[in-house]
Amino acid sequence: MENKLANPAPLGLLGFGMTTILLNIHNLGFFPVSAVIISMGIFYGGLAQIIAGILSFKNGKTFAGTAFVSYGFFWISLVGIWLFPNTGFEMAGTTPAPFFGCYLAIWGIFTAFMWWGTWGGSKVQQFVFLSLTILFFLLAVSKFTGSETITVIAGGLGIICGSSAFYLAMAELLEEVKNKRVLPY
């Protein structure tokens, strides 16, 4: 009897996409960071992506496993950056904006290499990683410069990026459910 593992990518893509959309609604200036974003960052953007990544590794998908586990821990570390200063521990103070910019720039560099890994694959996957690369660098520049305008531009791009991941998740999910390609990707 053969044990067939399900495709964990839709779960990981939805965890990434939906959490990215919510955070970037904040970046557009509509809402402050609140329990909505923090909870999504820990549980769906964080833990769900990590689970999807571990299952991807089990399926022999190194790229997907690395992406989902890495971005899952990105979300958890981002929440940590927001919450740790409230713990009262001296070392867990508020991160200076330029250092936060370094954090985002490093994620941008990582994402640029991941984008390179998508070349020759799905056009939507390429778009997700390209838009995420640009998003990280825009957010880094906004932290380095203090520019709210750049943050708002990043917010718009972030919603597009998150929506493209959501779309890719639905395309893969519906293809499996319907046993045929329903949405192009």
Protein backbone atom coordinates (compact mmCIF):
# COMPACT_ATOMS: atom_id res chain seq x y z
CA MET A 1 0.00 0.00 0.00
CA GLU A 2 1.45 3.32 -1.09
CA ASN A 3 1.34 6.34 1.22
CA LYS A 4 0.81 9.42 -0.91
CA LEU A 5 1.57 12.69 0.80
CA ALA A 6 -0.62 15.66 0.01
CA ASN A 7 0.80 18.83 -1.52
CA PRO A 8 1.50 21.20 1.42
CA ALA A 9 2.18 24.20 -0.84
CA PRO A 10 -1.38 25.61 -0.76
CA LEU A 11 -1.28 25.70 3.05
CA GLY A 12 2.11 27.46 3.05
CA LEU A 13 1.12 29.88 0.31
CA LEU A 14 -2.12 30.79 2.09
CA GLY A 15 -0.30 31.28 5.39
CA PHE A 16 2.16 33.57 3.65
CA GLY A 17 -0.36 35.32 1.40
CA MET A 18 -3.09 36.09 3.90
CA THR A 19 -0.66 37.26 6.59
CA THR A 20 1.18 39.43 4.04
CA ILE A 21 -2.08 41.03 2.92
CA LEU A 22 -3.06 41.88 6.50
CA LEU A 23 0.33 43.35 7.39
CA ASN A 24 0.30 45.49 4.28
CA ILE A 25 -3.18 46.82 4.99
CA HIS A 26 -1.40 48.17 8.09
CA ASN A 27 1.51 49.49 5.97
CA LEU A 28 -1.02 51.39 3.86
CA GLY A 29 -2.02 53.16 7.08
CA PHE A 30 -5.52 51.74 7.56
CA PHE A 31 -4.97 49.98 10.91
CA PRO A 32 -2.29 49.77 13.60
CA VAL A 33 -0.44 46.55 14.31
CA SER A 34 -2.83 44.65 16.59
CA ALA A 35 -3.67 41.16 17.79
CA VAL A 36 -5.00 40.38 14.29
CA ILE A 37 -1.59 40.73 12.64
CA ILE A 38 0.32 39.34 15.62
CA SER A 39 -1.87 36.23 15.79
CA MET A 40 -1.72 35.67 12.03
CA GLY A 41 2.05 36.18 12.16
CA ILE A 42 2.52 33.55 14.85
CA PHE A 43 -0.02 30.95 13.82
CA TYR A 44 -0.81 31.11 10.11
CA GLY A 45 2.12 33.02 8.64
CA GLY A 46 4.44 31.34 11.14
CA LEU A 47 3.43 27.88 12.31
CA ALA A 48 1.33 26.87 9.29
CA GLN A 49 4.17 27.75 6.93
CA ILE A 50 6.67 25.85 9.08
CA ILE A 51 4.41 22.78 9.00
CA ALA A 52 4.03 23.16 5.21
CA GLY A 53 7.80 23.47 4.91
CA ILE A 54 8.51 20.36 6.96
CA LEU A 55 6.01 18.41 4.86
CA SER A 56 7.64 19.79 1.70
CA PHE A 57 11.02 18.50 2.89
CA LYS A 58 9.37 15.13 3.56
CA ASN A 59 8.08 15.20 -0.04
CA GLY A 60 11.63 15.85 -1.30
CA LYS A 61 10.92 19.50 -2.19
CA THR A 62 14.00 21.34 -0.91
CA PHE A 63 13.08 24.73 -2.42
CA ALA A 64 9.53 24.72 -1.03
CA GLY A 65 10.72 23.39 2.32
CA THR A 66 13.37 26.08 2.62
CA ALA A 67 10.96 28.81 1.55
CA PHE A 68 8.09 27.85 3.84
CA VAL A 69 10.22 27.15 6.93
CA SER A 70 12.27 30.33 6.40
CA TYR A 71 9.30 32.64 5.86
CA GLY A 72 7.41 30.94 8.69
CA PHE A 73 10.25 31.85 11.02
CA PHE A 74 10.38 35.32 9.44
CA TRP A 75 6.83 35.91 10.66
CA ILE A 76 7.58 34.58 14.12
CA SER A 77 10.76 36.67 14.38
CA LEU A 78 8.89 39.78 13.19
CA VAL A 79 6.31 39.29 15.92
CA GLY A 80 9.19 38.84 18.37
CA ILE A 81 10.69 42.16 17.26
CA TRP A 82 7.36 43.83 18.03
CA LEU A 83 6.65 42.04 21.32
CA PHE A 84 10.02 41.53 23.04
CA PRO A 85 10.48 45.24 23.89
CA ASN A 86 7.35 44.92 26.08
CA THR A 87 8.89 42.19 28.23
CA GLY A 88 10.94 44.55 30.37
CA PHE A 89 14.22 42.79 29.60
CA GLU A 90 16.94 45.36 28.98
CA MET A 91 18.41 43.50 25.98
CA ALA A 92 14.97 43.26 24.38
CA GLY A 93 14.62 46.97 23.80
CA THR A 94 13.05 48.60 20.80
CA THR A 95 15.01 48.00 17.61
CA PRO A 96 16.40 51.20 16.05
CA ALA A 97 14.81 51.82 12.64
CA PRO A 98 18.11 51.50 10.69
CA PHE A 99 18.84 48.13 12.33
CA PHE A 100 15.29 47.01 11.49
CA GLY A 101 16.16 48.13 7.94
CA CYS A 102 19.18 45.78 8.00
CA TYR A 103 16.90 42.93 9.07
CA LEU A 104 14.57 43.64 6.15
CA ALA A 105 17.46 44.04 3.68
CA ILE A 106 18.88 40.63 4.66
CA TRP A 107 15.47 39.11 4.02
CA GLY A 108 15.44 40.93 0.67
CA ILE A 109 18.80 39.40 -0.29
CA PHE A 110 17.61 35.92 0.72
CA THR A 111 14.40 36.43 -1.26
CA ALA A 112 16.31 37.61 -4.35
CA PHE A 113 18.20 34.30 -4.35
CA MET A 114 14.94 32.42 -3.86
CA TRP A 115 13.48 34.35 -6.81
CA TRP A 116 16.42 33.17 -8.89
CA GLY A 117 15.44 29.63 -7.92
CA THR A 118 12.00 30.14 -9.49
CA TRP A 119 13.34 30.97 -12.95
CA GLY A 120 12.09 28.43 -15.45
CA GLY A 121 9.12 27.51 -13.26
CA SER A 122 5.66 28.91 -12.70
CA LYS A 123 5.23 32.53 -13.78
CA VAL A 124 3.03 33.24 -10.77
CA GLN A 125 5.64 31.78 -8.41
CA GLN A 126 8.26 33.98 -10.10
CA PHE A 127 6.00 36.99 -9.55
CA VAL A 128 5.45 36.14 -5.87
CA PHE A 129 9.20 36.03 -5.21
CA LEU A 130 10.05 39.06 -7.36
CA SER A 131 7.37 41.21 -5.74
CA LEU A 132 8.46 39.98 -2.29
CA THR A 133 12.09 40.86 -3.08
CA ILE A 134 11.09 44.39 -4.04
CA LEU A 135 8.79 44.61 -1.00
CA PHE A 136 11.58 43.74 1.43
CA PHE A 137 13.93 46.31 -0.13
CA LEU A 138 11.22 49.00 -0.12
CA LEU A 139 10.51 48.32 3.54
CA ALA A 140 14.23 48.41 4.31
CA VAL A 141 14.59 51.77 2.56
CA SER A 142 11.55 53.08 4.46
CA LYS A 143 13.25 52.12 7.75
CA PHE A 144 16.59 53.64 6.69
CA THR A 145 14.99 56.91 5.56
CA GLY A 146 11.90 57.15 7.76
CA SER A 147 9.81 57.74 4.63
CA GLU A 148 6.12 57.08 5.21
CA THR A 149 5.55 57.46 1.46
CA ILE A 150 7.81 54.49 0.75
CA THR A 151 6.00 52.50 3.46
CA VAL A 152 2.67 53.20 1.76
CA ILE A 153 4.08 52.21 -1.65
CA ALA A 154 5.40 49.02 -0.04
CA GLY A 155 1.95 48.43 1.45
CA GLY A 156 0.36 48.50 -1.99
CA LEU A 157 3.00 46.16 -3.39
CA GLY A 158 2.62 43.90 -0.34
CA ILE A 159 -1.09 43.45 -0.98
CA ILE A 160 -0.32 42.55 -4.60
CA CYS A 161 2.41 40.12 -3.48
CA GLY A 162 0.20 38.47 -0.85
CA SER A 163 -2.70 38.27 -3.30
CA SER A 164 -0.50 36.56 -5.89
CA ALA A 165 0.50 33.93 -3.30
CA PHE A 166 -3.18 33.48 -2.39
CA TYR A 167 -3.99 33.03 -6.10
CA LEU A 168 -1.21 30.46 -6.55
CA ALA A 169 -2.48 28.53 -3.52
CA MET A 170 -5.99 28.43 -4.95
CA ALA A 171 -4.70 27.43 -8.40
CA GLU A 172 -2.78 24.47 -6.94
CA LEU A 173 -5.61 23.49 -4.59
CA LEU A 174 -8.31 23.61 -7.27
CA GLU A 175 -6.12 21.68 -9.70
CA GLU A 176 -5.84 18.85 -7.20
CA VAL A 177 -9.53 18.92 -6.27
CA LYS A 178 -10.76 19.04 -9.88
CA ASN A 179 -8.02 16.81 -11.34
CA LYS A 180 -7.38 19.43 -14.02
CA ARG A 181 -5.86 22.89 -14.27
CA VAL A 182 -8.57 25.40 -13.44
CA LEU A 183 -6.52 28.59 -13.01
CA PRO A 184 -3.36 29.30 -15.02
CA TYR A 185 -0.14 29.59 -13.05
